[in-house]
């Protein structure tokens, strides 16, 4: 596919490929429009950490609970959950993934297969700004029409070959959904789609407040965001495994 830059001499074309090796021909422009739609590069780069509180309905299990999701740039995340009186934590501290077992209340390192998904899900905005630092490349793979609406497809590829596809609304340039492999409650690999909706502006940034998760085509659960706070000063130690 053609590079969506102005048609210029071959030397400038080659220079562009050398200057942005982590992007395919159209990916850089698409990412730029997506980031601008969300609030702009300056605002997004100013986010160092975020704290999101939400309710979560796990439809397949018929239960509901409270979730608090924490993230810190570039690749730390922690999720504290409470369901039916039981508490559980899953986290990635930038190097290691860990969890608190709800049955024992003890902290333990995640199994390797789970840890790989936790790590890939922990990357924040810097994975768009500086993908080469993390061995990530982006490719524009065309368009797809869903329910009469057109979406641009942006593929994120990790160094180990793992793929995640972003569906970008062609009219608003806001992310509509992502598709990737994941693990279900039984630890089995599934095709997972995460649909993003109900965008609201928080401190100048458009953020989805309704997240619907599908696994192998069936609705798994929904997350309804009730509050988002940015730059509260989360420390690195907060993401490390509790003793």
Protein backbone atom coordinates (compact mmCIF):
# COMPACT_ATOMS: atom_id res chain seq x y z
CA UNK A 1 0.00 0.00 0.00
CA UNK A 2 1.14 3.55 -0.71
CA UNK A 3 2.76 5.74 1.91
CA UNK A 4 0.30 8.52 2.80
CA UNK A 5 2.84 11.29 2.70
CA UNK A 6 3.07 13.84 -0.09
CA UNK A 7 4.43 12.35 -3.27
CA UNK A 8 8.08 13.30 -3.22
CA UNK A 9 11.35 12.17 -4.65
CA UNK A 10 12.56 8.68 -3.90
CA UNK A 11 15.33 9.91 -1.62
CA UNK A 12 12.86 11.49 0.81
CA UNK A 13 10.67 8.40 0.64
CA UNK A 14 13.57 6.15 1.67
CA UNK A 15 14.63 8.62 4.35
CA UNK A 16 11.16 8.43 5.86
CA UNK A 17 11.37 4.66 6.11
CA UNK A 18 14.77 4.91 7.80
CA UNK A 19 13.61 7.58 10.24
CA UNK A 20 10.52 5.64 11.35
CA UNK A 21 11.46 1.93 11.23
CA UNK A 22 8.79 0.92 13.76
CA UNK A 23 5.95 2.06 11.48
CA UNK A 24 4.63 0.76 8.19
CA UNK A 25 3.75 3.13 5.36
CA UNK A 26 0.42 4.45 6.72
CA UNK A 27 0.58 3.48 10.39
CA UNK A 28 2.31 6.61 11.66
CA UNK A 29 -0.29 8.94 10.16
CA UNK A 30 -3.17 6.81 11.50
CA UNK A 31 -1.68 6.73 15.01
CA UNK A 32 -1.20 10.49 14.90
CA UNK A 33 -4.89 11.04 14.04
CA UNK A 34 -5.99 8.59 16.75
CA UNK A 35 -3.91 10.33 19.44
CA UNK A 36 -5.14 13.73 18.30
CA UNK A 37 -8.76 12.55 18.53
CA UNK A 38 -8.21 11.37 22.09
CA UNK A 39 -6.84 14.70 23.23
CA UNK A 40 -3.54 15.31 21.52
CA UNK A 41 0.04 14.17 21.94
CA UNK A 42 0.95 16.81 24.52
CA UNK A 43 -1.87 15.90 26.91
CA UNK A 44 -1.35 12.15 26.49
CA UNK A 45 2.40 12.39 27.03
CA UNK A 46 1.67 14.29 30.23
CA UNK A 47 -0.08 11.26 31.74
CA UNK A 48 2.39 9.42 33.96
CA UNK A 49 -0.14 7.29 35.82
CA UNK A 50 -3.88 6.69 35.99
CA UNK A 51 -6.35 5.21 38.48
CA UNK A 52 -9.67 3.91 37.14
CA UNK A 53 -12.52 2.67 39.31
CA UNK A 54 -15.30 0.61 37.76
CA UNK A 55 -17.94 -2.03 38.23
CA UNK A 56 -17.51 -5.31 36.38
CA UNK A 57 -20.23 -7.76 35.39
CA UNK A 58 -18.96 -11.22 34.45
CA UNK A 59 -21.93 -12.35 32.42
CA UNK A 60 -20.74 -15.90 31.82
CA UNK A 61 -20.51 -16.47 35.60
CA UNK A 62 -23.47 -14.33 36.64
CA UNK A 63 -21.50 -12.26 39.15
CA UNK A 64 -20.67 -8.59 39.63
CA UNK A 65 -17.94 -6.79 41.51
CA UNK A 66 -15.78 -3.73 41.96
CA UNK A 67 -12.53 -3.19 40.06
CA UNK A 68 -9.78 -0.61 40.45
CA UNK A 69 -7.25 -0.47 37.62
CA UNK A 70 -3.92 1.31 38.02
CA UNK A 71 -1.36 2.00 35.31
CA UNK A 72 1.98 3.76 35.17
CA UNK A 73 4.01 4.57 32.09
CA UNK A 74 5.48 2.89 30.25
CA UNK A 75 4.49 -0.65 31.25
CA UNK A 76 3.25 -1.09 34.80
CA UNK A 77 -0.28 -2.12 35.70
CA UNK A 78 -2.23 -3.37 38.69
CA UNK A 79 -5.84 -4.48 38.96
CA UNK A 80 -7.55 -4.96 42.33
CA UNK A 81 -10.88 -6.82 42.19
CA UNK A 82 -13.53 -7.81 44.70
CA UNK A 83 -16.20 -10.36 43.86
CA UNK A 84 -18.58 -12.06 46.28
CA UNK A 85 -16.52 -11.03 49.29
CA UNK A 86 -13.25 -12.29 47.80
CA UNK A 87 -10.37 -9.99 46.86
CA UNK A 88 -7.90 -10.62 44.05
CA UNK A 89 -5.00 -8.69 42.55
CA UNK A 90 -3.19 -9.07 39.23
CA UNK A 91 -0.18 -6.92 38.41
CA UNK A 92 2.88 -6.40 36.24
CA UNK A 93 5.72 -4.32 37.70
CA UNK A 94 7.60 -3.75 34.46
CA UNK A 95 9.57 -6.97 34.82
CA UNK A 96 7.46 -9.58 36.61
CA UNK A 97 3.77 -10.48 36.69
CA UNK A 98 2.20 -11.54 39.97
CA UNK A 99 -1.15 -12.18 41.59
CA UNK A 100 -2.80 -12.50 44.98
CA UNK A 101 -4.54 -15.86 45.21
CA UNK A 102 -8.11 -15.21 46.47
CA UNK A 103 -8.22 -18.64 48.11
CA UNK A 104 -5.08 -18.19 50.21
CA UNK A 105 -4.60 -14.42 50.27
CA UNK A 106 -0.93 -14.97 49.40
CA UNK A 107 1.07 -13.21 46.69
CA UNK A 108 2.61 -15.44 44.03
CA UNK A 109 4.30 -15.11 40.68
CA UNK A 110 1.99 -15.67 37.73
CA UNK A 111 2.41 -18.82 35.64
CA UNK A 112 4.49 -18.11 32.55
CA UNK A 113 1.60 -18.37 30.07
CA UNK A 114 -0.50 -15.87 32.06
CA UNK A 115 2.48 -13.57 32.64
CA UNK A 116 3.06 -13.16 28.91
CA UNK A 117 -0.46 -11.75 28.43
CA UNK A 118 -0.20 -9.57 31.53
CA UNK A 119 3.00 -7.99 30.24
CA UNK A 120 1.55 -7.22 26.81
CA UNK A 121 -1.56 -5.70 28.37
CA UNK A 122 0.50 -3.39 30.58
CA UNK A 123 1.93 -1.17 27.85
CA UNK A 124 0.64 2.39 27.93
CA UNK A 125 0.78 5.37 25.60
CA UNK A 126 4.56 5.26 25.24
CA UNK A 127 4.12 2.13 23.12
CA UNK A 128 2.61 4.47 20.51
CA UNK A 129 5.12 7.30 20.98
CA UNK A 130 8.30 5.18 21.11
CA UNK A 131 7.47 1.65 19.91
CA UNK A 132 11.04 0.81 18.91
CA UNK A 133 12.04 0.92 22.62
CA UNK A 134 9.82 -2.12 23.24
CA UNK A 135 10.38 -4.08 20.06
CA UNK A 136 6.91 -3.12 18.80
CA UNK A 137 6.07 -2.39 15.18
CA UNK A 138 2.84 -1.07 13.65
CA UNK A 139 1.26 -1.79 10.28
CA UNK A 140 -1.79 -0.39 8.58
CA UNK A 141 -3.67 -3.40 7.19
CA UNK A 142 -6.63 -1.78 5.46
CA UNK A 143 -10.29 -1.13 6.25
CA UNK A 144 -13.23 -3.16 7.48
CA UNK A 145 -16.94 -2.33 7.54
CA UNK A 146 -18.93 -3.37 10.61
CA UNK A 147 -22.67 -2.69 10.83
CA UNK A 148 -22.36 -0.10 8.06
CA UNK A 149 -19.46 1.79 9.66
CA UNK A 150 -15.92 1.88 8.31
CA UNK A 151 -12.88 1.22 10.46
CA UNK A 152 -9.14 1.45 9.85
CA UNK A 153 -7.15 -1.58 11.02
CA UNK A 154 -3.89 -0.94 12.85
CA UNK A 155 -1.78 -3.98 13.71
CA UNK A 156 0.62 -3.96 16.68
CA UNK A 157 3.28 -6.66 16.47
CA UNK A 158 5.53 -7.58 19.38
CA UNK A 159 9.06 -8.93 19.04
CA UNK A 160 7.84 -12.48 19.75
CA UNK A 161 5.26 -12.28 16.94
CA UNK A 162 2.20 -11.66 19.13
CA UNK A 163 -0.38 -9.55 17.29
CA UNK A 164 -3.01 -7.09 18.47
CA UNK A 165 -5.32 -5.32 16.05
CA UNK A 166 -6.86 -1.92 16.75
CA UNK A 167 -10.06 -0.94 14.94
CA UNK A 168 -10.06 2.85 14.51
CA UNK A 169 -13.33 4.61 13.67
CA UNK A 170 -12.81 6.18 10.23
CA UNK A 171 -15.02 9.17 11.08
CA UNK A 172 -13.84 10.02 14.62
CA UNK A 173 -10.44 8.26 14.70
CA UNK A 174 -11.26 6.98 18.19
CA UNK A 175 -10.44 3.33 18.95
CA UNK A 176 -13.56 1.18 18.57
CA UNK A 177 -12.19 -2.19 19.61
CA UNK A 178 -9.12 -4.41 19.83
CA UNK A 179 -8.67 -8.04 18.82
CA UNK A 180 -5.99 -10.39 20.14
CA UNK A 181 -5.39 -13.78 21.68
CA UNK A 182 -5.98 -14.06 25.42
CA UNK A 183 -6.69 -16.61 28.15
CA UNK A 184 -10.12 -17.48 29.52
CA UNK A 185 -11.00 -18.32 33.12
CA UNK A 186 -9.82 -21.90 32.57
CA UNK A 187 -6.43 -20.80 31.27
CA UNK A 188 -7.27 -21.78 27.69
CA UNK A 189 -6.27 -19.51 24.77
CA UNK A 190 -9.21 -17.73 23.15
CA UNK A 191 -9.85 -15.01 20.57
CA UNK A 192 -10.72 -11.91 22.56
CA UNK A 193 -12.38 -8.71 21.39
CA UNK A 194 -12.56 -5.65 23.62
CA UNK A 195 -15.16 -3.13 22.46
CA UNK A 196 -14.77 0.47 23.69
CA UNK A 197 -17.72 2.83 24.03
CA UNK A 198 -19.37 5.72 25.89
CA UNK A 199 -16.41 8.06 25.42
CA UNK A 200 -16.31 10.94 27.91
CA UNK A 201 -13.79 13.72 28.37
CA UNK A 202 -11.68 13.55 31.53
CA UNK A 203 -9.16 16.36 32.00
CA UNK A 204 -9.30 17.03 28.27
CA UNK A 205 -8.83 13.39 27.23
CA UNK A 206 -11.58 11.32 25.61
CA UNK A 207 -11.72 8.01 27.46
CA UNK A 208 -14.08 5.01 27.05
CA UNK A 209 -16.37 4.49 30.03
CA UNK A 210 -17.96 1.25 28.81
CA UNK A 211 -15.80 -1.75 27.90
CA UNK A 212 -17.36 -4.97 26.64
CA UNK A 213 -15.27 -8.14 26.41
CA UNK A 214 -16.03 -11.01 24.03
CA UNK A 215 -14.23 -14.35 24.09
CA UNK A 216 -14.54 -16.66 21.07
CA UNK A 217 -17.50 -14.58 19.92
CA UNK A 218 -19.48 -14.78 23.18
CA UNK A 219 -19.94 -11.89 25.58
CA UNK A 220 -17.79 -12.51 28.64
CA UNK A 221 -18.36 -9.35 30.64
CA UNK A 222 -18.65 -5.59 30.81
CA UNK A 223 -16.69 -2.93 32.68
CA UNK A 224 -18.48 0.33 33.51
CA UNK A 225 -16.09 3.10 34.51
CA UNK A 226 -17.21 5.34 37.36
CA UNK A 227 -14.12 7.50 37.91
CA UNK A 228 -10.70 8.22 36.37
CA UNK A 229 -7.85 10.11 37.98
CA UNK A 230 -4.56 11.01 36.33
CA UNK A 231 -1.13 11.71 37.80
CA UNK A 232 -1.79 10.86 41.43
CA UNK A 233 1.88 10.00 41.98
CA UNK A 234 1.71 6.20 42.03
CA UNK A 235 5.09 4.79 43.07
CA UNK A 236 6.89 1.91 41.37
CA UNK A 237 6.72 -0.02 44.66
CA UNK A 238 2.92 -0.03 44.48
CA UNK A 239 3.16 -2.37 41.46
CA UNK A 240 5.70 -4.76 43.00
CA UNK A 241 4.67 -8.10 44.49
CA UNK A 242 3.45 -7.82 48.05
CA UNK A 243 5.41 -9.79 50.63
